[in-house]
Amino acid sequence: MTLQDLYEDHRTLAAIGERLIAIISCEPPQMQALVAVRHEMAQAVARHLGNEARLALTPLGASSDPYDRALARRYTGDLLSMRQSSSAHFGKWTPESILADPREYRLAVRAQLRMVAARRAWEESEFLPAAERLASGQRTPMRKVG
């Protein structure tokens, strides 16, 4: 697993999200398929976060560069917020509540996926490039974390 593989993980997670949208677009939602894709997504996210922590977060957090450490702090803080949102989402949207209000569930899933897409965009524009720079031994002038 390399830093470049993390970008491919992002594409894989986006594809799983697209499959999730397709499944929940059916009336009524196909619960067996939905449960399976939710499980697949959870496993893929867990693997990805473990690899991301090892390849990017840990080196950035241990860097002597304040910019790198700030990126690591933002990553961790944002991840905590996303986990809280995801936990609330899964707690609210049980199979029973999904079947009771599939339209609202579709809206909630799309909101979660937009949050993940924004996170992916930030990681690919700032976080992962900084980890790549650090891994290659390059130093750049300190910048403000965005």
N, C-alpha and C. Protein backbone atom coordinates (compact mmCIF):
# COMPACT_ATOMS: atom_id res chain seq x y z
N MET A 1 0.86 -1.17 0.00
CA MET A 1 0.00 0.00 0.00
C MET A 1 0.90 1.24 0.00
N THR A 2 0.61 2.16 -0.90
CA THR A 2 1.36 3.40 -1.00
C THR A 2 0.41 4.58 -0.86
N LEU A 3 0.98 5.76 -0.75
CA LEU A 3 0.15 6.97 -0.70
C LEU A 3 -0.72 7.07 -1.95
N GLN A 4 -0.20 6.70 -3.10
CA GLN A 4 -0.99 6.76 -4.33
C GLN A 4 -2.21 5.84 -4.26
N ASP A 5 -2.09 4.73 -3.55
CA ASP A 5 -3.22 3.82 -3.41
C ASP A 5 -4.38 4.46 -2.65
N LEU A 6 -4.08 5.44 -1.82
CA LEU A 6 -5.14 6.11 -1.07
C LEU A 6 -6.07 6.87 -2.02
N TYR A 7 -5.53 7.41 -3.10
CA TYR A 7 -6.37 8.07 -4.10
C TYR A 7 -7.31 7.05 -4.76
N GLU A 8 -6.79 5.87 -5.04
CA GLU A 8 -7.63 4.82 -5.62
C GLU A 8 -8.70 4.39 -4.63
N ASP A 9 -8.35 4.32 -3.35
CA ASP A 9 -9.35 4.03 -2.32
C ASP A 9 -10.48 5.04 -2.38
N HIS A 10 -10.15 6.30 -2.57
CA HIS A 10 -11.18 7.35 -2.65
C HIS A 10 -12.13 7.07 -3.82
N ARG A 11 -11.57 6.67 -4.95
CA ARG A 11 -12.42 6.36 -6.11
C ARG A 11 -13.30 5.14 -5.83
N THR A 12 -12.73 4.16 -5.15
CA THR A 12 -13.51 2.97 -4.79
C THR A 12 -14.66 3.33 -3.86
N LEU A 13 -14.39 4.15 -2.87
CA LEU A 13 -15.44 4.57 -1.94
C LEU A 13 -16.53 5.36 -2.66
N ALA A 14 -16.14 6.22 -3.60
CA ALA A 14 -17.12 6.98 -4.37
C ALA A 14 -17.99 6.04 -5.20
N ALA A 15 -17.40 5.00 -5.77
CA ALA A 15 -18.16 4.03 -6.57
C ALA A 15 -19.15 3.26 -5.69
N ILE A 16 -18.73 2.91 -4.48
CA ILE A 16 -19.64 2.24 -3.56
C ILE A 16 -20.80 3.18 -3.22
N GLY A 17 -20.49 4.45 -3.03
CA GLY A 17 -21.54 5.44 -2.77
C GLY A 17 -22.53 5.54 -3.92
N GLU A 18 -22.03 5.47 -5.14
CA GLU A 18 -22.92 5.50 -6.31
C GLU A 18 -23.81 4.27 -6.34
N ARG A 19 -23.26 3.11 -5.99
CA ARG A 19 -24.08 1.89 -5.92
C ARG A 19 -25.14 2.02 -4.83
N LEU A 20 -24.76 2.63 -3.71
CA LEU A 20 -25.72 2.85 -2.64
C LEU A 20 -26.88 3.72 -3.13
N ILE A 21 -26.56 4.80 -3.84
CA ILE A 21 -27.61 5.68 -4.38
C ILE A 21 -28.52 4.90 -5.33
N ALA A 22 -27.95 4.06 -6.18
CA ALA A 22 -28.75 3.28 -7.12
C ALA A 22 -29.70 2.34 -6.37
N ILE A 23 -29.21 1.72 -5.31
CA ILE A 23 -30.04 0.79 -4.55
C ILE A 23 -31.18 1.51 -3.85
N ILE A 24 -30.90 2.65 -3.27
CA ILE A 24 -31.95 3.34 -2.52
C ILE A 24 -32.90 4.10 -3.44
N SER A 25 -32.58 4.17 -4.72
CA SER A 25 -33.47 4.83 -5.67
C SER A 25 -34.66 3.95 -6.04
N CYS A 26 -34.58 2.67 -5.73
CA CYS A 26 -35.68 1.74 -6.00
C CYS A 26 -36.81 2.00 -5.02
N GLU A 27 -38.03 1.77 -5.46
CA GLU A 27 -39.20 1.88 -4.59
C GLU A 27 -39.86 0.52 -4.47
N PRO A 28 -39.92 -0.07 -3.33
CA PRO A 28 -39.24 0.33 -2.10
C PRO A 28 -37.77 -0.06 -2.19
N PRO A 29 -36.93 0.52 -1.33
CA PRO A 29 -35.51 0.16 -1.35
C PRO A 29 -35.33 -1.34 -1.12
N GLN A 30 -34.40 -1.93 -1.83
CA GLN A 30 -34.11 -3.36 -1.69
C GLN A 30 -33.23 -3.54 -0.45
N MET A 31 -33.84 -3.91 0.65
CA MET A 31 -33.15 -3.90 1.94
C MET A 31 -31.96 -4.86 2.00
N GLN A 32 -32.07 -6.02 1.42
CA GLN A 32 -30.96 -6.96 1.48
C GLN A 32 -29.73 -6.38 0.76
N ALA A 33 -29.95 -5.80 -0.40
CA ALA A 33 -28.86 -5.18 -1.15
C ALA A 33 -28.33 -3.96 -0.40
N LEU A 34 -29.23 -3.22 0.20
CA LEU A 34 -28.83 -2.02 0.95
C LEU A 34 -27.96 -2.38 2.15
N VAL A 35 -28.36 -3.37 2.89
CA VAL A 35 -27.57 -3.81 4.05
C VAL A 35 -26.19 -4.28 3.59
N ALA A 36 -26.14 -5.00 2.47
CA ALA A 36 -24.86 -5.51 1.97
C ALA A 36 -23.94 -4.36 1.54
N VAL A 37 -24.47 -3.36 0.84
CA VAL A 37 -23.60 -2.27 0.38
C VAL A 37 -23.20 -1.38 1.55
N ARG A 38 -24.07 -1.22 2.53
CA ARG A 38 -23.68 -0.45 3.73
C ARG A 38 -22.53 -1.16 4.45
N HIS A 39 -22.61 -2.48 4.53
CA HIS A 39 -21.55 -3.25 5.17
C HIS A 39 -20.25 -3.14 4.36
N GLU A 40 -20.36 -3.25 3.06
CA GLU A 40 -19.19 -3.11 2.19
C GLU A 40 -18.54 -1.74 2.37
N MET A 41 -19.36 -0.71 2.44
CA MET A 41 -18.85 0.66 2.63
C MET A 41 -18.14 0.77 3.96
N ALA A 42 -18.74 0.25 5.02
CA ALA A 42 -18.13 0.33 6.35
C ALA A 42 -16.77 -0.37 6.37
N GLN A 43 -16.68 -1.54 5.75
CA GLN A 43 -15.41 -2.26 5.71
C GLN A 43 -14.37 -1.50 4.90
N ALA A 44 -14.77 -0.95 3.76
CA ALA A 44 -13.83 -0.21 2.90
C ALA A 44 -13.35 1.05 3.61
N VAL A 45 -14.23 1.74 4.30
CA VAL A 45 -13.83 2.94 5.04
C VAL A 45 -12.85 2.58 6.15
N ALA A 46 -13.14 1.53 6.89
CA ALA A 46 -12.24 1.12 7.98
C ALA A 46 -10.84 0.79 7.45
N ARG A 47 -10.78 0.03 6.37
CA ARG A 47 -9.47 -0.29 5.78
C ARG A 47 -8.76 0.98 5.33
N HIS A 48 -9.49 1.84 4.65
CA HIS A 48 -8.90 3.07 4.12
C HIS A 48 -8.37 3.95 5.25
N LEU A 49 -9.15 4.12 6.29
CA LEU A 49 -8.71 4.99 7.39
C LEU A 49 -7.47 4.42 8.08
N GLY A 50 -7.40 3.12 8.22
CA GLY A 50 -6.20 2.51 8.80
C GLY A 50 -4.97 2.77 7.94
N ASN A 51 -5.12 2.60 6.65
CA ASN A 51 -4.00 2.86 5.74
C ASN A 51 -3.65 4.34 5.71
N GLU A 52 -4.64 5.17 5.70
CA GLU A 52 -4.40 6.61 5.68
C GLU A 52 -3.69 7.07 6.95
N ALA A 53 -4.09 6.51 8.07
CA ALA A 53 -3.43 6.86 9.34
C ALA A 53 -1.95 6.47 9.30
N ARG A 54 -1.68 5.28 8.82
CA ARG A 54 -0.30 4.78 8.78
C ARG A 54 0.55 5.54 7.77
N LEU A 55 0.01 5.80 6.59
CA LEU A 55 0.81 6.38 5.51
C LEU A 55 0.86 7.90 5.51
N ALA A 56 -0.16 8.55 6.05
CA ALA A 56 -0.23 10.01 5.94
C ALA A 56 -0.36 10.70 7.30
N LEU A 57 -1.33 10.29 8.09
CA LEU A 57 -1.59 10.99 9.35
C LEU A 57 -0.41 10.90 10.32
N THR A 58 0.09 9.71 10.55
CA THR A 58 1.19 9.55 11.50
C THR A 58 2.43 10.34 11.10
N PRO A 59 2.88 10.24 9.85
CA PRO A 59 4.06 11.05 9.47
C PRO A 59 3.80 12.56 9.57
N LEU A 60 2.63 13.01 9.16
CA LEU A 60 2.35 14.45 9.25
C LEU A 60 2.28 14.90 10.70
N GLY A 61 1.66 14.10 11.55
CA GLY A 61 1.56 14.45 12.96
C GLY A 61 2.90 14.47 13.67
N ALA A 62 3.84 13.66 13.18
CA ALA A 62 5.17 13.58 13.80
C ALA A 62 6.17 14.56 13.18
N SER A 63 5.76 15.27 12.15
CA SER A 63 6.64 16.19 11.46
C SER A 63 7.03 17.36 12.36
N SER A 64 8.21 17.90 12.11
CA SER A 64 8.63 19.10 12.84
C SER A 64 8.03 20.37 12.23
N ASP A 65 7.41 20.25 11.08
CA ASP A 65 6.83 21.39 10.38
C ASP A 65 5.44 21.70 10.97
N PRO A 66 5.22 22.92 11.46
CA PRO A 66 3.91 23.27 12.03
C PRO A 66 2.75 23.10 11.04
N TYR A 67 3.02 23.34 9.76
CA TYR A 67 1.98 23.17 8.74
C TYR A 67 1.55 21.71 8.67
N ASP A 68 2.50 20.81 8.66
CA ASP A 68 2.18 19.38 8.62
C ASP A 68 1.37 18.97 9.84
N ARG A 69 1.79 19.43 11.00
CA ARG A 69 1.06 19.07 12.23
C ARG A 69 -0.34 19.67 12.23
N ALA A 70 -0.48 20.87 11.68
CA ALA A 70 -1.81 21.48 11.59
C ALA A 70 -2.72 20.68 10.66
N LEU A 71 -2.17 20.18 9.57
CA LEU A 71 -2.96 19.32 8.68
C LEU A 71 -3.40 18.06 9.42
N ALA A 72 -2.50 17.47 10.19
CA ALA A 72 -2.84 16.27 10.95
C ALA A 72 -3.95 16.57 11.96
N ARG A 73 -3.87 17.72 12.62
CA ARG A 73 -4.93 18.09 13.59
C ARG A 73 -6.26 18.29 12.87
N ARG A 74 -6.23 18.97 11.74
CA ARG A 74 -7.48 19.18 11.01
C ARG A 74 -8.06 17.84 10.56
N TYR A 75 -7.21 16.97 10.05
CA TYR A 75 -7.65 15.65 9.62
C TYR A 75 -8.37 14.93 10.76
N THR A 76 -7.75 14.93 11.92
CA THR A 76 -8.30 14.22 13.07
C THR A 76 -9.61 14.86 13.55
N GLY A 77 -9.63 16.18 13.62
CA GLY A 77 -10.84 16.86 14.06
C GLY A 77 -12.00 16.65 13.10
N ASP A 78 -11.72 16.79 11.81
CA ASP A 78 -12.77 16.57 10.81
C ASP A 78 -13.25 15.13 10.82
N LEU A 79 -12.31 14.20 11.01
CA LEU A 79 -12.69 12.79 11.04
C LEU A 79 -13.61 12.51 12.23
N LEU A 80 -13.33 13.10 13.36
CA LEU A 80 -14.21 12.92 14.52
C LEU A 80 -15.61 13.43 14.21
N SER A 81 -15.71 14.58 13.59
CA SER A 81 -17.02 15.13 13.22
C SER A 81 -17.75 14.20 12.25
N MET A 82 -17.01 13.68 11.29
CA MET A 82 -17.63 12.77 10.32
C MET A 82 -18.10 11.48 10.99
N ARG A 83 -17.32 10.98 11.92
CA ARG A 83 -17.72 9.75 12.62
C ARG A 83 -18.97 9.99 13.46
N GLN A 84 -19.05 11.15 14.10
CA GLN A 84 -20.24 11.47 14.88
C GLN A 84 -21.47 11.56 13.97
N SER A 85 -21.31 12.21 12.83
CA SER A 85 -22.40 12.34 11.88
C SER A 85 -22.82 10.97 11.35
N SER A 86 -21.85 10.15 11.03
CA SER A 86 -22.13 8.82 10.51
C SER A 86 -22.83 7.95 11.56
N SER A 87 -22.36 8.03 12.79
CA SER A 87 -23.01 7.26 13.86
C SER A 87 -24.46 7.69 14.06
N ALA A 88 -24.68 8.99 14.04
CA ALA A 88 -26.06 9.49 14.17
C ALA A 88 -26.91 9.02 12.99
N HIS A 89 -26.34 9.05 11.80
CA HIS A 89 -27.06 8.61 10.60
C HIS A 89 -27.46 7.15 10.72
N PHE A 90 -26.51 6.28 11.07
CA PHE A 90 -26.82 4.86 11.17
C PHE A 90 -27.75 4.57 12.34
N GLY A 91 -27.65 5.35 13.41
CA GLY A 91 -28.56 5.17 14.54
C GLY A 91 -29.99 5.53 14.18
N LYS A 92 -30.15 6.55 13.38
CA LYS A 92 -31.49 6.99 12.97
C LYS A 92 -32.07 6.10 11.88
N TRP A 93 -31.23 5.73 10.91
CA TRP A 93 -31.73 5.04 9.73
C TRP A 93 -31.55 3.53 9.83
N THR A 94 -32.45 2.94 10.61
CA THR A 94 -32.53 1.49 10.73
C THR A 94 -33.33 0.97 9.52
N PRO A 95 -33.30 -0.32 9.27
CA PRO A 95 -34.12 -0.84 8.16
C PRO A 95 -35.59 -0.43 8.27
N GLU A 96 -36.11 -0.43 9.48
CA GLU A 96 -37.51 -0.06 9.67
C GLU A 96 -37.77 1.40 9.31
N SER A 97 -36.88 2.29 9.77
CA SER A 97 -37.09 3.71 9.49
C SER A 97 -36.84 4.03 8.01
N ILE A 98 -35.97 3.28 7.37
CA ILE A 98 -35.74 3.47 5.93
C ILE A 98 -37.01 3.13 5.16
N LEU A 99 -37.61 2.00 5.49
CA LEU A 99 -38.83 1.59 4.80
C LEU A 99 -39.99 2.52 5.11
N ALA A 100 -39.99 3.10 6.30
CA ALA A 100 -41.07 4.02 6.68
C ALA A 100 -40.97 5.35 5.94
N ASP A 101 -39.76 5.78 5.59
CA ASP A 101 -39.60 7.07 4.91
C ASP A 101 -38.40 7.02 3.95
N PRO A 102 -38.54 6.27 2.85
CA PRO A 102 -37.40 6.11 1.94
C PRO A 102 -36.96 7.42 1.29
N ARG A 103 -37.87 8.34 1.05
CA ARG A 103 -37.50 9.61 0.44
C ARG A 103 -36.55 10.39 1.36
N GLU A 104 -36.90 10.48 2.63
CA GLU A 104 -36.06 11.21 3.59
C GLU A 104 -34.71 10.51 3.76
N TYR A 105 -34.74 9.17 3.71
CA TYR A 105 -33.48 8.43 3.80
C TYR A 105 -32.58 8.77 2.62
N ARG A 106 -33.14 8.82 1.42
CA ARG A 106 -32.33 9.17 0.24
C ARG A 106 -31.69 10.54 0.41
N LEU A 107 -32.45 11.49 0.94
CA LEU A 107 -31.90 12.83 1.18
C LEU A 107 -30.77 12.78 2.21
N ALA A 108 -30.96 11.99 3.26
CA ALA A 108 -29.94 11.88 4.30
C ALA A 108 -28.67 11.22 3.76
N VAL A 109 -28.81 10.21 2.93
CA VAL A 109 -27.64 9.54 2.35
C VAL A 109 -26.90 10.51 1.44
N ARG A 110 -27.64 11.24 0.63
CA ARG A 110 -26.98 12.19 -0.27
C ARG A 110 -26.22 13.26 0.53
N ALA A 111 -26.77 13.69 1.64
CA ALA A 111 -26.07 14.67 2.49
C ALA A 111 -24.78 14.07 3.05
N GLN A 112 -24.83 12.82 3.49
CA GLN A 112 -23.63 12.15 3.99
C GLN A 112 -22.58 12.03 2.89
N LEU A 113 -23.02 11.66 1.70
CA LEU A 113 -22.07 11.49 0.59
C LEU A 113 -21.47 12.83 0.15
N ARG A 114 -22.23 13.91 0.25
CA ARG A 114 -21.67 15.24 -0.05
C ARG A 114 -20.58 15.60 0.95
N MET A 115 -20.81 15.26 2.22
CA MET A 115 -19.81 15.52 3.26
C MET A 115 -18.53 14.73 2.96
N VAL A 116 -18.69 13.48 2.57
CA VAL A 116 -17.54 12.63 2.25
C VAL A 116 -16.81 13.18 1.02
N ALA A 117 -17.55 13.65 0.03
CA ALA A 117 -16.93 14.20 -1.18
C ALA A 117 -16.12 15.44 -0.86
N ALA A 118 -16.64 16.29 0.01
CA ALA A 118 -15.90 17.50 0.41
C ALA A 118 -14.63 17.10 1.16
N ARG A 119 -14.73 16.12 2.00
CA ARG A 119 -13.56 15.64 2.73
C ARG A 119 -12.52 15.07 1.76
N ARG A 120 -12.98 14.28 0.80
CA ARG A 120 -12.08 13.69 -0.19
C ARG A 120 -11.37 14.80 -0.98
N ALA A 121 -12.10 15.83 -1.36
CA ALA A 121 -11.49 16.94 -2.12
C ALA A 121 -10.39 17.61 -1.31
N TRP A 122 -10.64 17.84 -0.02
CA TRP A 122 -9.61 18.46 0.83
C TRP A 122 -8.41 17.54 0.97
N GLU A 123 -8.66 16.26 1.23
CA GLU A 123 -7.55 15.33 1.39
C GLU A 123 -6.68 15.30 0.13
N GLU A 124 -7.32 15.29 -1.03
CA GLU A 124 -6.57 15.18 -2.27
C GLU A 124 -5.89 16.48 -2.69
N SER A 125 -6.38 17.60 -2.18
CA SER A 125 -5.75 18.87 -2.55
C SER A 125 -4.70 19.33 -1.53
N GLU A 126 -4.82 18.93 -0.27
CA GLU A 126 -3.89 19.41 0.75
C GLU A 126 -3.23 18.29 1.55
N PHE A 127 -4.03 17.44 2.13
CA PHE A 127 -3.53 16.45 3.09
C PHE A 127 -2.59 15.43 2.44
N LEU A 128 -3.07 14.74 1.41
CA LEU A 128 -2.23 13.72 0.78
C LEU A 128 -1.03 14.31 0.05
N PRO A 129 -1.16 15.44 -0.65
CA PRO A 129 0.05 16.03 -1.25
C PRO A 129 1.10 16.40 -0.20
N ALA A 130 0.66 16.86 0.97
CA ALA A 130 1.63 17.17 2.03
C ALA A 130 2.32 15.90 2.51
N ALA A 131 1.58 14.82 2.63
CA ALA A 131 2.19 13.55 3.04
C ALA A 131 3.16 13.05 1.97
N GLU A 132 2.81 13.24 0.71
CA GLU A 132 3.72 12.85 -0.38
C GLU A 132 4.99 13.69 -0.34
N ARG A 133 4.83 14.97 -0.13
CA ARG A 133 5.99 15.87 -0.03
C ARG A 133 6.88 15.43 1.12
N LEU A 134 6.30 15.14 2.25
CA LEU A 134 7.07 14.71 3.42
C LEU A 134 7.79 13.39 3.14
N ALA A 135 7.09 12.46 2.52
CA ALA A 135 7.69 11.15 2.21
C ALA A 135 8.86 11.27 1.24
N SER A 136 8.79 12.27 0.36
CA SER A 136 9.86 12.44 -0.62
C SER A 136 11.03 13.26 -0.06
N GLY A 137 10.86 13.80 1.15
CA GLY A 137 11.92 14.58 1.78
C GLY A 137 11.96 16.03 1.35
N GLN A 138 10.97 16.47 0.58
CA GLN A 138 10.94 17.86 0.15
C GLN A 138 10.42 18.75 1.27
N ARG A 139 10.91 19.98 1.29
CA ARG A 139 10.41 20.98 2.24
C ARG A 139 9.87 22.13 1.44
N THR A 140 8.75 22.62 1.85
CA THR A 140 8.15 23.78 1.20
C THR A 140 7.93 24.85 2.24
N PRO A 141 7.80 26.09 1.83
CA PRO A 141 7.53 27.15 2.81
C PRO A 141 6.23 26.85 3.55
N MET A 142 6.20 27.24 4.81
CA MET A 142 4.98 27.05 5.61
C MET A 142 3.86 27.86 4.99
N ARG A 143 2.67 27.26 5.02
CA ARG A 143 1.47 27.92 4.52
C ARG A 143 0.42 27.83 5.60
N LYS A 144 -0.58 28.66 5.43
CA LYS A 144 -1.72 28.59 6.33
C LYS A 144 -2.58 27.39 5.94
N VAL A 145 -3.03 26.63 6.92
CA VAL A 145 -3.87 25.48 6.66
C VAL A 145 -5.25 25.97 6.27
N GLY A 146 -5.78 25.48 5.15
CA GLY A 146 -7.08 25.93 4.63
C GLY A 146 -8.19 25.03 4.90
